[in-house]
Amino acid sequence: MSSPIGGMLFSYYLICPRKAWLVRQGLYMEQESEDVALGRLLDETSYARSEKHLDLHATAPDGTPLVGKIDRAMLRDGVLHETKKGRSCQQAHQNQVRFYLWLLKLNGVTGPGGASYRGQIDYPALRRSEAVSLEPAHEAELATQLRQLTSLLESPHPPQRLGKRDFCRKCAFEELCYG
C-alpha cells in the first residue's frame, strides 16, 4: 500500500509539482518560512470557538489512500472551512477544499438532511469568504489530478523548475530551486 496523499500535498501539486515531489521525498523547508508561520498563526487565532482540524481518511476510486485535515467544520450547517492568508493561489485553494469534500463523499458522509457538504474558504486578513462546491465535473478533475500526482511521485527525479513566478519569491523552496 502506498503512502496516503493529503490535501496539502495535493494543493502543493496544483501550485508547483516540483514542491509536491520534494515534500514527498521528505524535504520540509517551511519551518524556516515567515509566510508559513504567519499563515499558521492566522489559522490558530481565527475562529477560535469553532471546531478545528477534523481529520479525514478515504480511498480514491483507483485505490489510492487519501487523508485530509480540515481547518474547521460547522457540522450542523454542513460546511467545511479552510482558512487561507491570501488569494494568490485561489484555484489550488478551491481544489484543496473540493478534495476534502470528495473525501467526505467517498466515505458516504452527508450533511444535515442528507445534503452534500459545502466548502468555504475564509480569508480573515481580507475579511472575505468564498463558497466552494463539489460537482461531478470537479470529481472527475480531482481523479485526473490525483492520477497525475501519483505518477509524478513515482518518478525518481523531481520535475523541472517552473519558470520563475511571482509567488516563488515567497515559497520556502525558492532558494533550493533558484538559489
C-alpha atoms as a PDB file:
ATOM      1  CA  MET A   1       0.000   0.000   0.000  1.00  0.00           C
ATOM      2  CA  SER A   2       1.359   3.424  -0.919  1.00  0.00           C
ATOM      3  CA  SER A   3       1.567   6.378   1.447  1.00  0.00           C
ATOM      4  CA  PRO A   4      -1.605   8.431   1.641  1.00  0.00           C
ATOM      5  CA  ILE A   5      -1.979  11.573  -0.398  1.00  0.00           C
ATOM      6  CA  GLY A   6      -3.131  14.509   1.695  1.00  0.00           C
ATOM      7  CA  GLY A   7      -4.942  17.705   0.882  1.00  0.00           C
ATOM      8  CA  MET A   8      -1.877  19.872   1.451  1.00  0.00           C
ATOM      9  CA  LEU A   9       0.303  17.725  -0.851  1.00  0.00           C
ATOM     10  CA  PHE A  10      -2.494  17.819  -3.419  1.00  0.00           C
ATOM     11  CA  SER A  11      -2.577  21.619  -3.171  1.00  0.00           C
ATOM     12  CA  TYR A  12       1.213  21.814  -3.493  1.00  0.00           C
ATOM     13  CA  TYR A  13       0.985  19.758  -6.692  1.00  0.00           C
ATOM     14  CA  LEU A  14      -1.527  22.182  -8.185  1.00  0.00           C
ATOM     15  CA  ILE A  15       0.681  25.158  -7.328  1.00  0.00           C
ATOM     16  CA  CYS A  16       4.075  23.604  -8.140  1.00  0.00           C
ATOM     17  CA  PRO A  17       4.628  19.910  -8.980  1.00  0.00           C
ATOM     18  CA  ARG A  18       8.297  20.227  -8.009  1.00  0.00           C
ATOM     19  CA  LYS A  19       7.367  21.343  -4.487  1.00  0.00           C
ATOM     20  CA  ALA A  20       4.990  18.386  -4.119  1.00  0.00           C
ATOM     21  CA  TRP A  21       7.705  15.959  -5.250  1.00  0.00           C
ATOM     22  CA  LEU A  22      10.291  17.478  -2.874  1.00  0.00           C
ATOM     23  CA  VAL A  23       7.912  17.354   0.096  1.00  0.00           C
ATOM     24  CA  ARG A  24       7.066  13.718  -0.628  1.00  0.00           C
ATOM     25  CA  GLN A  25      10.805  12.977  -0.582  1.00  0.00           C
ATOM     26  CA  GLY A  26      10.966  14.326   2.974  1.00  0.00           C
ATOM     27  CA  LEU A  27      12.258  17.840   2.300  1.00  0.00           C
ATOM     28  CA  TYR A  28      10.405  20.235   4.565  1.00  0.00           C
ATOM     29  CA  MET A  29      11.547  23.813   4.140  1.00  0.00           C
ATOM     30  CA  GLU A  30       8.525  25.515   5.643  1.00  0.00           C
ATOM     31  CA  GLN A  31       9.779  25.562   9.221  1.00  0.00           C
ATOM     32  CA  GLU A  32      12.066  28.416   8.071  1.00  0.00           C
ATOM     33  CA  SER A  33       9.367  30.385   6.243  1.00  0.00           C
ATOM     34  CA  GLU A  34       7.934  33.546   7.800  1.00  0.00           C
ATOM     35  CA  ASP A  35       4.935  33.353   5.450  1.00  0.00           C
ATOM     36  CA  VAL A  36       4.110  29.825   6.625  1.00  0.00           C
ATOM     37  CA  ALA A  37       4.496  30.912  10.261  1.00  0.00           C
ATOM     38  CA  LEU A  38       2.130  33.829   9.609  1.00  0.00           C
ATOM     39  CA  GLY A  39      -0.405  31.510   7.963  1.00  0.00           C
ATOM     40  CA  ARG A  40      -0.186  29.080  10.885  1.00  0.00           C
ATOM     41  CA  LEU A  41      -0.711  31.934  13.364  1.00  0.00           C
ATOM     42  CA  LEU A  42      -3.706  33.164  11.350  1.00  0.00           C
ATOM     43  CA  ASP A  43      -5.212  29.659  11.452  1.00  0.00           C
ATOM     44  CA  GLU A  44      -4.603  29.319  15.199  1.00  0.00           C
ATOM     45  CA  THR A  45      -6.040  32.709  16.131  1.00  0.00           C
ATOM     46  CA  SER A  46      -9.011  32.917  13.751  1.00  0.00           C
ATOM     47  CA  TYR A  47     -12.369  31.379  14.598  1.00  0.00           C
ATOM     48  CA  ALA A  48     -11.115  30.161  17.988  1.00  0.00           C
ATOM     49  CA  ARG A  49     -14.513  28.921  19.176  1.00  0.00           C
ATOM     50  CA  SER A  50     -15.129  26.693  16.168  1.00  0.00           C
ATOM     51  CA  GLU A  51     -14.285  23.017  15.955  1.00  0.00           C
ATOM     52  CA  LYS A  52     -10.847  22.744  14.377  1.00  0.00           C
ATOM     53  CA  HIS A  53      -8.791  20.242  12.460  1.00  0.00           C
ATOM     54  CA  LEU A  54     -11.175  17.488  11.547  1.00  0.00           C
ATOM     55  CA  ASP A  55      -9.167  14.509  10.242  1.00  0.00           C
ATOM     56  CA  LEU A  56     -10.471  12.591   7.218  1.00  0.00           C
ATOM     57  CA  HIS A  57      -9.411   9.306   5.626  1.00  0.00           C
ATOM     58  CA  ALA A  58     -10.755   7.739   2.426  1.00  0.00           C
ATOM     59  CA  THR A  59      -9.780   5.574  -0.508  1.00  0.00           C
ATOM     60  CA  ALA A  60      -9.935   7.006  -4.024  1.00  0.00           C
ATOM     61  CA  PRO A  61     -11.736   5.017  -6.724  1.00  0.00           C
ATOM     62  CA  ASP A  62      -8.309   3.874  -8.029  1.00  0.00           C
ATOM     63  CA  GLY A  63      -7.361   2.541  -4.572  1.00  0.00           C
ATOM     64  CA  THR A  64      -5.079   5.422  -3.540  1.00  0.00           C
ATOM     65  CA  PRO A  65      -5.314   6.146   0.193  1.00  0.00           C
ATOM     66  CA  LEU A  66      -6.283   9.758   0.887  1.00  0.00           C
ATOM     67  CA  VAL A  67      -6.124  11.899   4.017  1.00  0.00           C
ATOM     68  CA  GLY A  68      -7.147  15.403   4.904  1.00  0.00           C
ATOM     69  CA  LYS A  69      -7.100  17.800   7.814  1.00  0.00           C
ATOM     70  CA  ILE A  70      -9.882  20.343   7.642  1.00  0.00           C
ATOM     71  CA  ASP A  71      -9.236  23.648   9.386  1.00  0.00           C
ATOM     72  CA  ARG A  72     -12.722  23.716  10.865  1.00  0.00           C
ATOM     73  CA  ALA A  73     -16.149  22.260  10.288  1.00  0.00           C
ATOM     74  CA  MET A  74     -19.566  23.628  11.058  1.00  0.00           C
ATOM     75  CA  LEU A  75     -21.224  20.218  11.160  1.00  0.00           C
ATOM     76  CA  ARG A  76     -24.735  21.488  11.928  1.00  0.00           C
ATOM     77  CA  ASP A  77     -24.577  23.760   8.898  1.00  0.00           C
ATOM     78  CA  GLY A  78     -22.917  21.196   6.609  1.00  0.00           C
ATOM     79  CA  VAL A  79     -19.963  23.481   5.835  1.00  0.00           C
ATOM     80  CA  LEU A  80     -16.229  22.745   5.817  1.00  0.00           C
ATOM     81  CA  HIS A  81     -13.974  25.768   6.228  1.00  0.00           C
ATOM     82  CA  GLU A  82     -10.399  26.230   5.058  1.00  0.00           C
ATOM     83  CA  THR A  83      -8.509  29.305   6.259  1.00  0.00           C
ATOM     84  CA  LYS A  84      -6.067  30.969   3.884  1.00  0.00           C
ATOM     85  CA  LYS A  85      -3.893  34.050   4.171  1.00  0.00           C
ATOM     86  CA  GLY A  86      -4.419  35.403   0.658  1.00  0.00           C
ATOM     87  CA  ARG A  87      -5.904  34.624  -2.726  1.00  0.00           C
ATOM     88  CA  SER A  88      -2.697  34.245  -4.743  1.00  0.00           C
ATOM     89  CA  CYS A  89      -3.278  30.521  -5.378  1.00  0.00           C
ATOM     90  CA  GLN A  90      -7.060  30.653  -5.458  1.00  0.00           C
ATOM     91  CA  GLN A  91      -7.606  27.740  -7.876  1.00  0.00           C
ATOM     92  CA  ALA A  92      -5.382  25.454  -5.773  1.00  0.00           C
ATOM     93  CA  HIS A  93      -7.246  26.576  -2.637  1.00  0.00           C
ATOM     94  CA  GLN A  94     -10.593  25.762  -4.248  1.00  0.00           C
ATOM     95  CA  ASN A  95      -9.423  22.322  -5.326  1.00  0.00           C
ATOM     96  CA  GLN A  96      -7.979  21.608  -1.891  1.00  0.00           C
ATOM     97  CA  VAL A  97     -11.425  22.262  -0.384  1.00  0.00           C
ATOM     98  CA  ARG A  98     -13.027  20.152  -3.119  1.00  0.00           C
ATOM     99  CA  PHE A  99     -10.514  17.400  -2.244  1.00  0.00           C
ATOM    100  CA  TYR A 100     -11.822  17.452   1.355  1.00  0.00           C
ATOM    101  CA  LEU A 101     -15.441  17.456   0.172  1.00  0.00           C
ATOM    102  CA  TRP A 102     -14.574  14.489  -2.057  1.00  0.00           C
ATOM    103  CA  LEU A 103     -13.158  12.592   0.929  1.00  0.00           C
ATOM    104  CA  LEU A 104     -16.457  13.041   2.747  1.00  0.00           C
ATOM    105  CA  LYS A 105     -18.402  11.884  -0.310  1.00  0.00           C
ATOM    106  CA  LEU A 106     -16.139   8.839  -0.764  1.00  0.00           C
ATOM    107  CA  ASN A 107     -16.983   7.887   2.823  1.00  0.00           C
ATOM    108  CA  GLY A 108     -20.710   8.359   2.232  1.00  0.00           C
ATOM    109  CA  VAL A 109     -20.885  11.221   4.728  1.00  0.00           C
ATOM    110  CA  THR A 110     -23.649  13.730   4.156  1.00  0.00           C
ATOM    111  CA  GLY A 111     -24.641  16.897   5.913  1.00  0.00           C
ATOM    112  CA  PRO A 112     -27.919  17.829   7.548  1.00  0.00           C
ATOM    113  CA  GLY A 113     -30.943  16.322   5.821  1.00  0.00           C
ATOM    114  CA  GLY A 114     -28.725  14.156   3.583  1.00  0.00           C
ATOM    115  CA  ALA A 115     -27.412  17.109   1.584  1.00  0.00           C
ATOM    116  CA  SER A 116     -23.822  17.211   0.394  1.00  0.00           C
ATOM    117  CA  TYR A 117     -21.391  19.224   2.448  1.00  0.00           C
ATOM    118  CA  ARG A 118     -20.366  22.600   1.111  1.00  0.00           C
ATOM    119  CA  GLY A 119     -16.983  24.223   1.393  1.00  0.00           C
ATOM    120  CA  GLN A 120     -15.885  27.710   2.233  1.00  0.00           C
ATOM    121  CA  ILE A 121     -12.502  29.378   2.005  1.00  0.00           C
ATOM    122  CA  ASP A 122     -12.082  32.043   4.653  1.00  0.00           C
ATOM    123  CA  TYR A 123      -9.596  34.864   4.173  1.00  0.00           C
ATOM    124  CA  PRO A 124      -9.646  36.542   7.629  1.00  0.00           C
ATOM    125  CA  ALA A 125      -6.954  39.090   6.778  1.00  0.00           C
ATOM    126  CA  LEU A 126      -9.019  40.166   3.749  1.00  0.00           C
ATOM    127  CA  ARG A 127     -12.339  39.837   5.612  1.00  0.00           C
ATOM    128  CA  ARG A 128     -13.717  37.758   2.762  1.00  0.00           C
ATOM    129  CA  SER A 129     -15.060  34.272   2.242  1.00  0.00           C
ATOM    130  CA  GLU A 130     -15.636  32.215  -0.880  1.00  0.00           C
ATOM    131  CA  ALA A 131     -18.112  29.368  -1.294  1.00  0.00           C
ATOM    132  CA  VAL A 132     -16.837  26.152  -2.879  1.00  0.00           C
ATOM    133  CA  SER A 133     -18.959  23.264  -4.148  1.00  0.00           C
ATOM    134  CA  LEU A 134     -18.176  19.783  -5.411  1.00  0.00           C
ATOM    135  CA  GLU A 135     -19.868  18.997  -8.729  1.00  0.00           C
ATOM    136  CA  PRO A 136     -19.469  15.789 -10.782  1.00  0.00           C
ATOM    137  CA  ALA A 137     -17.110  17.589 -13.184  1.00  0.00           C
ATOM    138  CA  HIS A 138     -14.937  18.567 -10.210  1.00  0.00           C
ATOM    139  CA  GLU A 139     -14.806  14.946  -9.047  1.00  0.00           C
ATOM    140  CA  ALA A 140     -13.590  13.846 -12.482  1.00  0.00           C
ATOM    141  CA  GLU A 141     -10.982  16.622 -12.440  1.00  0.00           C
ATOM    142  CA  LEU A 142      -9.821  15.601  -8.940  1.00  0.00           C
ATOM    143  CA  ALA A 143      -9.472  11.966 -10.039  1.00  0.00           C
ATOM    144  CA  THR A 144      -7.387  13.043 -13.059  1.00  0.00           C
ATOM    145  CA  GLN A 145      -5.190  15.328 -10.945  1.00  0.00           C
ATOM    146  CA  LEU A 146      -4.735  12.540  -8.395  1.00  0.00           C
ATOM    147  CA  ARG A 147      -3.555  10.142 -11.135  1.00  0.00           C
ATOM    148  CA  GLN A 148      -1.114  12.781 -12.402  1.00  0.00           C
ATOM    149  CA  LEU A 149       0.194  13.452  -8.893  1.00  0.00           C
ATOM    150  CA  THR A 150       0.598   9.742  -8.160  1.00  0.00           C
ATOM    151  CA  SER A 151       2.545   9.299 -11.397  1.00  0.00           C
ATOM    152  CA  LEU A 152       4.761  12.282 -10.552  1.00  0.00           C
ATOM    153  CA  LEU A 153       5.508  10.929  -7.076  1.00  0.00           C
ATOM    154  CA  GLU A 154       6.647   7.604  -8.562  1.00  0.00           C
ATOM    155  CA  SER A 155       9.326   9.364 -10.595  1.00  0.00           C
ATOM    156  CA  PRO A 156      12.896   9.003  -9.261  1.00  0.00           C
ATOM    157  CA  HIS A 157      13.709  12.585 -10.281  1.00  0.00           C
ATOM    158  CA  PRO A 158      11.986  15.882  -9.483  1.00  0.00           C
ATOM    159  CA  PRO A 159      10.183  17.743 -12.227  1.00  0.00           C
ATOM    160  CA  GLN A 160      11.948  20.688 -13.813  1.00  0.00           C
ATOM    161  CA  ARG A 161      11.761  24.030 -12.087  1.00  0.00           C
ATOM    162  CA  LEU A 162       8.931  26.214 -13.224  1.00  0.00           C
ATOM    163  CA  GLY A 163       9.717  29.447 -14.978  1.00  0.00           C
ATOM    164  CA  LYS A 164      10.138  31.787 -12.034  1.00  0.00           C
ATOM    165  CA  ARG A 165       6.771  33.116 -10.958  1.00  0.00           C
ATOM    166  CA  ASP A 166       5.913  35.920  -8.576  1.00  0.00           C
ATOM    167  CA  PHE A 167       4.789  33.644  -5.758  1.00  0.00           C
ATOM    168  CA  CYS A 168       8.077  31.683  -5.935  1.00  0.00           C
ATOM    169  CA  ARG A 169       9.671  34.602  -4.066  1.00  0.00           C
ATOM    170  CA  LYS A 170       7.562  33.731  -1.018  1.00  0.00           C
ATOM    171  CA  CYS A 171       7.930  29.963  -1.348  1.00  0.00           C
ATOM    172  CA  ALA A 172      10.031  28.190   1.268  1.00  0.00           C
ATOM    173  CA  PHE A 173      11.646  26.195  -1.575  1.00  0.00           C
ATOM    174  CA  GLU A 174      12.646  29.260  -3.622  1.00  0.00           C
ATOM    175  CA  GLU A 175      16.307  29.164  -2.595  1.00  0.00           C
ATOM    176  CA  LEU A 176      16.532  25.417  -3.203  1.00  0.00           C
ATOM    177  CA  CYS A 177      15.067  25.756  -6.695  1.00  0.00           C
ATOM    178  CA  TYR A 178      16.626  29.023  -7.806  1.00  0.00           C
ATOM    179  CA  GLY A 179      19.417  29.695  -5.258  1.00  0.00           C
END
